[in-house]
Protein backbone atom coordinates (compact mmCIF):
# COMPACT_ATOMS: atom_id res chain seq x y z
CA UNK A 1 0.00 0.00 0.00
CA UNK A 2 1.22 3.47 -0.80
CA UNK A 3 -0.21 6.70 0.50
CA UNK A 4 -0.42 9.94 -1.43
CA UNK A 5 -1.22 13.35 -0.02
CA UNK A 6 -1.24 16.86 -1.40
CA UNK A 7 -1.47 19.99 0.72
CA UNK A 8 -4.28 22.50 0.63
CA UNK A 9 -7.13 21.05 2.72
CA UNK A 10 -8.35 21.89 6.18
CA UNK A 11 -6.66 18.70 7.40
CA UNK A 12 -2.91 18.98 7.56
CA UNK A 13 -0.80 16.66 5.47
CA UNK A 14 0.27 14.93 8.69
CA UNK A 15 -3.40 14.42 9.63
CA UNK A 16 -4.15 13.01 6.19
CA UNK A 17 -1.24 10.57 6.49
CA UNK A 18 -2.34 9.58 10.01
CA UNK A 19 -5.90 8.88 8.85
CA UNK A 20 -4.63 6.76 5.96
CA UNK A 21 -2.15 4.88 8.16
CA UNK A 22 -4.92 4.09 10.66
CA UNK A 23 -7.09 2.77 7.83
CA UNK A 24 -4.21 0.71 6.45
CA UNK A 25 -3.60 -0.76 9.91
CA UNK A 26 -7.27 -1.76 10.24
CA UNK A 27 -7.10 -3.41 6.81
CA UNK A 28 -3.76 -5.06 7.71
CA UNK A 29 -2.07 -3.39 4.76
CA UNK A 30 1.67 -2.75 4.91
CA UNK A 31 2.56 0.86 4.12
CA UNK A 32 5.33 0.73 1.52
CA UNK A 33 5.77 4.45 0.90
CA UNK A 34 4.21 7.85 1.41
CA UNK A 35 4.24 10.55 -1.25
CA UNK A 36 3.40 14.21 -0.98
CA UNK A 37 3.57 17.44 -2.92
CA UNK A 38 3.17 20.03 -0.18
CA UNK A 39 2.82 23.58 -1.43
CA UNK A 40 2.53 22.55 -5.08
CA UNK A 41 -0.68 23.21 -7.00
CA UNK A 42 -2.89 20.19 -7.55
CA UNK A 43 -4.13 21.54 -10.85
CA UNK A 44 -1.60 19.48 -12.85
CA UNK A 45 0.46 16.36 -12.18
CA UNK A 46 3.26 17.19 -14.60
CA UNK A 47 5.46 19.29 -12.30
CA UNK A 48 4.75 17.40 -9.07
CA UNK A 49 7.73 15.25 -7.98
CA UNK A 50 5.68 13.23 -5.45
CA UNK A 51 3.16 12.05 -8.01
CA UNK A 52 5.90 11.37 -10.55
CA UNK A 53 7.79 9.21 -8.03
CA UNK A 54 4.55 7.41 -7.18
CA UNK A 55 4.06 6.56 -10.87
CA UNK A 56 7.64 5.33 -11.21
CA UNK A 57 7.34 3.16 -8.10
CA UNK A 58 4.01 1.77 -9.36
CA UNK A 59 5.70 0.76 -12.61
CA UNK A 60 8.32 -1.07 -10.52
CA UNK A 61 5.51 -2.92 -8.67
CA UNK A 62 6.54 -1.52 -5.30
CA UNK A 63 2.89 -1.52 -4.11
CA UNK A 64 -0.58 -2.66 -5.20
CA UNK A 65 -2.80 0.01 -3.61
CA UNK A 66 -2.68 3.80 -3.51
CA UNK A 67 -4.62 5.07 -0.50
CA UNK A 68 -5.69 8.72 -0.30
CA UNK A 69 -8.04 10.62 1.95
CA UNK A 70 -9.99 11.80 -1.10
CA UNK A 71 -9.54 11.75 -4.85
CA UNK A 72 -8.98 15.52 -4.94
CA UNK A 73 -5.94 14.97 -2.71
CA UNK A 74 -4.34 13.26 -5.71
CA UNK A 75 -5.43 15.85 -8.28
CA UNK A 76 -8.23 18.32 -8.82
CA UNK A 77 -8.00 17.86 -12.58
CA UNK A 78 -10.30 15.05 -13.73
CA UNK A 79 -8.25 14.42 -16.86
CA UNK A 80 -5.13 13.96 -14.72
CA UNK A 81 -7.02 11.57 -12.43
CA UNK A 82 -8.18 9.57 -15.46
CA UNK A 83 -4.61 9.42 -16.81
CA UNK A 84 -3.24 8.41 -13.41
CA UNK A 85 -5.94 5.75 -13.07
CA UNK A 86 -4.99 4.36 -16.50
CA UNK A 87 -1.27 4.22 -15.66
CA UNK A 88 -1.89 2.66 -12.25
CA UNK A 89 -4.35 0.12 -13.63
CA UNK A 90 -1.77 -0.90 -16.25
CA UNK A 91 0.72 -1.37 -13.38
CA UNK A 92 -1.80 -3.49 -11.42
CA UNK A 93 -2.41 -0.82 -8.77
CA UNK A 94 -5.80 0.02 -7.23
CA UNK A 95 -6.71 3.51 -5.96
CA UNK A 96 -8.62 3.56 -2.66
CA UNK A 97 -10.03 6.76 -1.18
CA UNK A 98 -11.45 7.19 2.29
CA UNK A 99 -13.76 10.17 1.73
CA UNK A 100 -16.35 8.27 -0.25
CA UNK A 101 -14.90 4.77 -0.08
CA UNK A 102 -14.08 4.58 -3.78
CA UNK A 103 -12.13 1.60 -5.06
CA UNK A 104 -10.88 2.30 -8.59
CA UNK A 105 -9.83 -1.05 -9.96
C-alpha atoms as a PDB file:
ATOM      1  CA  UNK A   1       0.000   0.000   0.000  1.00  0.00           C
ATOM      2  CA  UNK A   2       1.216   3.466  -0.804  1.00  0.00           C
ATOM      3  CA  UNK A   3      -0.208   6.702   0.498  1.00  0.00           C
ATOM      4  CA  UNK A   4      -0.422   9.936  -1.434  1.00  0.00           C
ATOM      5  CA  UNK A   5      -1.217  13.349  -0.024  1.00  0.00           C
ATOM      6  CA  UNK A   6      -1.238  16.858  -1.397  1.00  0.00           C
ATOM      7  CA  UNK A   7      -1.469  19.988   0.723  1.00  0.00           C
ATOM      8  CA  UNK A   8      -4.278  22.503   0.626  1.00  0.00           C
ATOM      9  CA  UNK A   9      -7.126  21.053   2.718  1.00  0.00           C
ATOM     10  CA  UNK A  10      -8.348  21.892   6.183  1.00  0.00           C
ATOM     11  CA  UNK A  11      -6.664  18.702   7.402  1.00  0.00           C
ATOM     12  CA  UNK A  12      -2.910  18.983   7.560  1.00  0.00           C
ATOM     13  CA  UNK A  13      -0.795  16.660   5.466  1.00  0.00           C
ATOM     14  CA  UNK A  14       0.268  14.930   8.690  1.00  0.00           C
ATOM     15  CA  UNK A  15      -3.400  14.425   9.629  1.00  0.00           C
ATOM     16  CA  UNK A  16      -4.146  13.014   6.186  1.00  0.00           C
ATOM     17  CA  UNK A  17      -1.240  10.568   6.493  1.00  0.00           C
ATOM     18  CA  UNK A  18      -2.344   9.584  10.007  1.00  0.00           C
ATOM     19  CA  UNK A  19      -5.904   8.878   8.846  1.00  0.00           C
ATOM     20  CA  UNK A  20      -4.625   6.760   5.964  1.00  0.00           C
ATOM     21  CA  UNK A  21      -2.147   4.875   8.163  1.00  0.00           C
ATOM     22  CA  UNK A  22      -4.921   4.094  10.658  1.00  0.00           C
ATOM     23  CA  UNK A  23      -7.091   2.772   7.834  1.00  0.00           C
ATOM     24  CA  UNK A  24      -4.209   0.708   6.446  1.00  0.00           C
ATOM     25  CA  UNK A  25      -3.597  -0.761   9.908  1.00  0.00           C
ATOM     26  CA  UNK A  26      -7.271  -1.765  10.236  1.00  0.00           C
ATOM     27  CA  UNK A  27      -7.100  -3.415   6.807  1.00  0.00           C
ATOM     28  CA  UNK A  28      -3.761  -5.062   7.711  1.00  0.00           C
ATOM     29  CA  UNK A  29      -2.071  -3.391   4.755  1.00  0.00           C
ATOM     30  CA  UNK A  30       1.669  -2.749   4.906  1.00  0.00           C
ATOM     31  CA  UNK A  31       2.558   0.858   4.117  1.00  0.00           C
ATOM     32  CA  UNK A  32       5.328   0.725   1.524  1.00  0.00           C
ATOM     33  CA  UNK A  33       5.767   4.452   0.896  1.00  0.00           C
ATOM     34  CA  UNK A  34       4.211   7.846   1.410  1.00  0.00           C
ATOM     35  CA  UNK A  35       4.238  10.547  -1.251  1.00  0.00           C
ATOM     36  CA  UNK A  36       3.401  14.213  -0.977  1.00  0.00           C
ATOM     37  CA  UNK A  37       3.571  17.441  -2.921  1.00  0.00           C
ATOM     38  CA  UNK A  38       3.170  20.026  -0.183  1.00  0.00           C
ATOM     39  CA  UNK A  39       2.824  23.576  -1.425  1.00  0.00           C
ATOM     40  CA  UNK A  40       2.532  22.555  -5.079  1.00  0.00           C
ATOM     41  CA  UNK A  41      -0.682  23.209  -7.001  1.00  0.00           C
ATOM     42  CA  UNK A  42      -2.885  20.187  -7.549  1.00  0.00           C
ATOM     43  CA  UNK A  43      -4.131  21.535 -10.852  1.00  0.00           C
ATOM     44  CA  UNK A  44      -1.601  19.484 -12.846  1.00  0.00           C
ATOM     45  CA  UNK A  45       0.460  16.360 -12.175  1.00  0.00           C
ATOM     46  CA  UNK A  46       3.262  17.192 -14.599  1.00  0.00           C
ATOM     47  CA  UNK A  47       5.460  19.286 -12.296  1.00  0.00           C
ATOM     48  CA  UNK A  48       4.755  17.395  -9.071  1.00  0.00           C
ATOM     49  CA  UNK A  49       7.726  15.253  -7.975  1.00  0.00           C
ATOM     50  CA  UNK A  50       5.682  13.234  -5.451  1.00  0.00           C
ATOM     51  CA  UNK A  51       3.159  12.053  -8.014  1.00  0.00           C
ATOM     52  CA  UNK A  52       5.901  11.365 -10.554  1.00  0.00           C
ATOM     53  CA  UNK A  53       7.792   9.212  -8.027  1.00  0.00           C
ATOM     54  CA  UNK A  54       4.545   7.408  -7.180  1.00  0.00           C
ATOM     55  CA  UNK A  55       4.064   6.563 -10.869  1.00  0.00           C
ATOM     56  CA  UNK A  56       7.642   5.332 -11.215  1.00  0.00           C
ATOM     57  CA  UNK A  57       7.338   3.159  -8.099  1.00  0.00           C
ATOM     58  CA  UNK A  58       4.012   1.765  -9.359  1.00  0.00           C
ATOM     59  CA  UNK A  59       5.702   0.764 -12.613  1.00  0.00           C
ATOM     60  CA  UNK A  60       8.317  -1.065 -10.519  1.00  0.00           C
ATOM     61  CA  UNK A  61       5.512  -2.922  -8.675  1.00  0.00           C
ATOM     62  CA  UNK A  62       6.540  -1.521  -5.299  1.00  0.00           C
ATOM     63  CA  UNK A  63       2.892  -1.517  -4.108  1.00  0.00           C
ATOM     64  CA  UNK A  64      -0.579  -2.658  -5.203  1.00  0.00           C
ATOM     65  CA  UNK A  65      -2.799   0.007  -3.606  1.00  0.00           C
ATOM     66  CA  UNK A  66      -2.682   3.800  -3.505  1.00  0.00           C
ATOM     67  CA  UNK A  67      -4.621   5.073  -0.501  1.00  0.00           C
ATOM     68  CA  UNK A  68      -5.687   8.721  -0.304  1.00  0.00           C
ATOM     69  CA  UNK A  69      -8.035  10.619   1.953  1.00  0.00           C
ATOM     70  CA  UNK A  70      -9.986  11.802  -1.104  1.00  0.00           C
ATOM     71  CA  UNK A  71      -9.545  11.749  -4.855  1.00  0.00           C
ATOM     72  CA  UNK A  72      -8.984  15.521  -4.940  1.00  0.00           C
ATOM     73  CA  UNK A  73      -5.943  14.965  -2.710  1.00  0.00           C
ATOM     74  CA  UNK A  74      -4.343  13.264  -5.710  1.00  0.00           C
ATOM     75  CA  UNK A  75      -5.426  15.847  -8.282  1.00  0.00           C
ATOM     76  CA  UNK A  76      -8.235  18.323  -8.821  1.00  0.00           C
ATOM     77  CA  UNK A  77      -7.995  17.861 -12.583  1.00  0.00           C
ATOM     78  CA  UNK A  78     -10.303  15.050 -13.727  1.00  0.00           C
ATOM     79  CA  UNK A  79      -8.255  14.424 -16.862  1.00  0.00           C
ATOM     80  CA  UNK A  80      -5.133  13.956 -14.717  1.00  0.00           C
ATOM     81  CA  UNK A  81      -7.022  11.567 -12.427  1.00  0.00           C
ATOM     82  CA  UNK A  82      -8.175   9.571 -15.456  1.00  0.00           C
ATOM     83  CA  UNK A  83      -4.610   9.420 -16.808  1.00  0.00           C
ATOM     84  CA  UNK A  84      -3.239   8.414 -13.405  1.00  0.00           C
ATOM     85  CA  UNK A  85      -5.938   5.751 -13.074  1.00  0.00           C
ATOM     86  CA  UNK A  86      -4.994   4.357 -16.499  1.00  0.00           C
ATOM     87  CA  UNK A  87      -1.269   4.222 -15.658  1.00  0.00           C
ATOM     88  CA  UNK A  88      -1.892   2.659 -12.247  1.00  0.00           C
ATOM     89  CA  UNK A  89      -4.349   0.122 -13.632  1.00  0.00           C
ATOM     90  CA  UNK A  90      -1.774  -0.903 -16.246  1.00  0.00           C
ATOM     91  CA  UNK A  91       0.721  -1.375 -13.376  1.00  0.00           C
ATOM     92  CA  UNK A  92      -1.797  -3.487 -11.423  1.00  0.00           C
ATOM     93  CA  UNK A  93      -2.409  -0.817  -8.774  1.00  0.00           C
ATOM     94  CA  UNK A  94      -5.803   0.023  -7.230  1.00  0.00           C
ATOM     95  CA  UNK A  95      -6.711   3.507  -5.958  1.00  0.00           C
ATOM     96  CA  UNK A  96      -8.624   3.559  -2.661  1.00  0.00           C
ATOM     97  CA  UNK A  97     -10.026   6.761  -1.183  1.00  0.00           C
ATOM     98  CA  UNK A  98     -11.453   7.192   2.288  1.00  0.00           C
ATOM     99  CA  UNK A  99     -13.756  10.172   1.728  1.00  0.00           C
ATOM    100  CA  UNK A 100     -16.349   8.271  -0.251  1.00  0.00           C
ATOM    101  CA  UNK A 101     -14.896   4.771  -0.080  1.00  0.00           C
ATOM    102  CA  UNK A 102     -14.077   4.579  -3.777  1.00  0.00           C
ATOM    103  CA  UNK A 103     -12.129   1.597  -5.059  1.00  0.00           C
ATOM    104  CA  UNK A 104     -10.884   2.297  -8.588  1.00  0.00           C
ATOM    105  CA  UNK A 105      -9.829  -1.052  -9.963  1.00  0.00           C
END
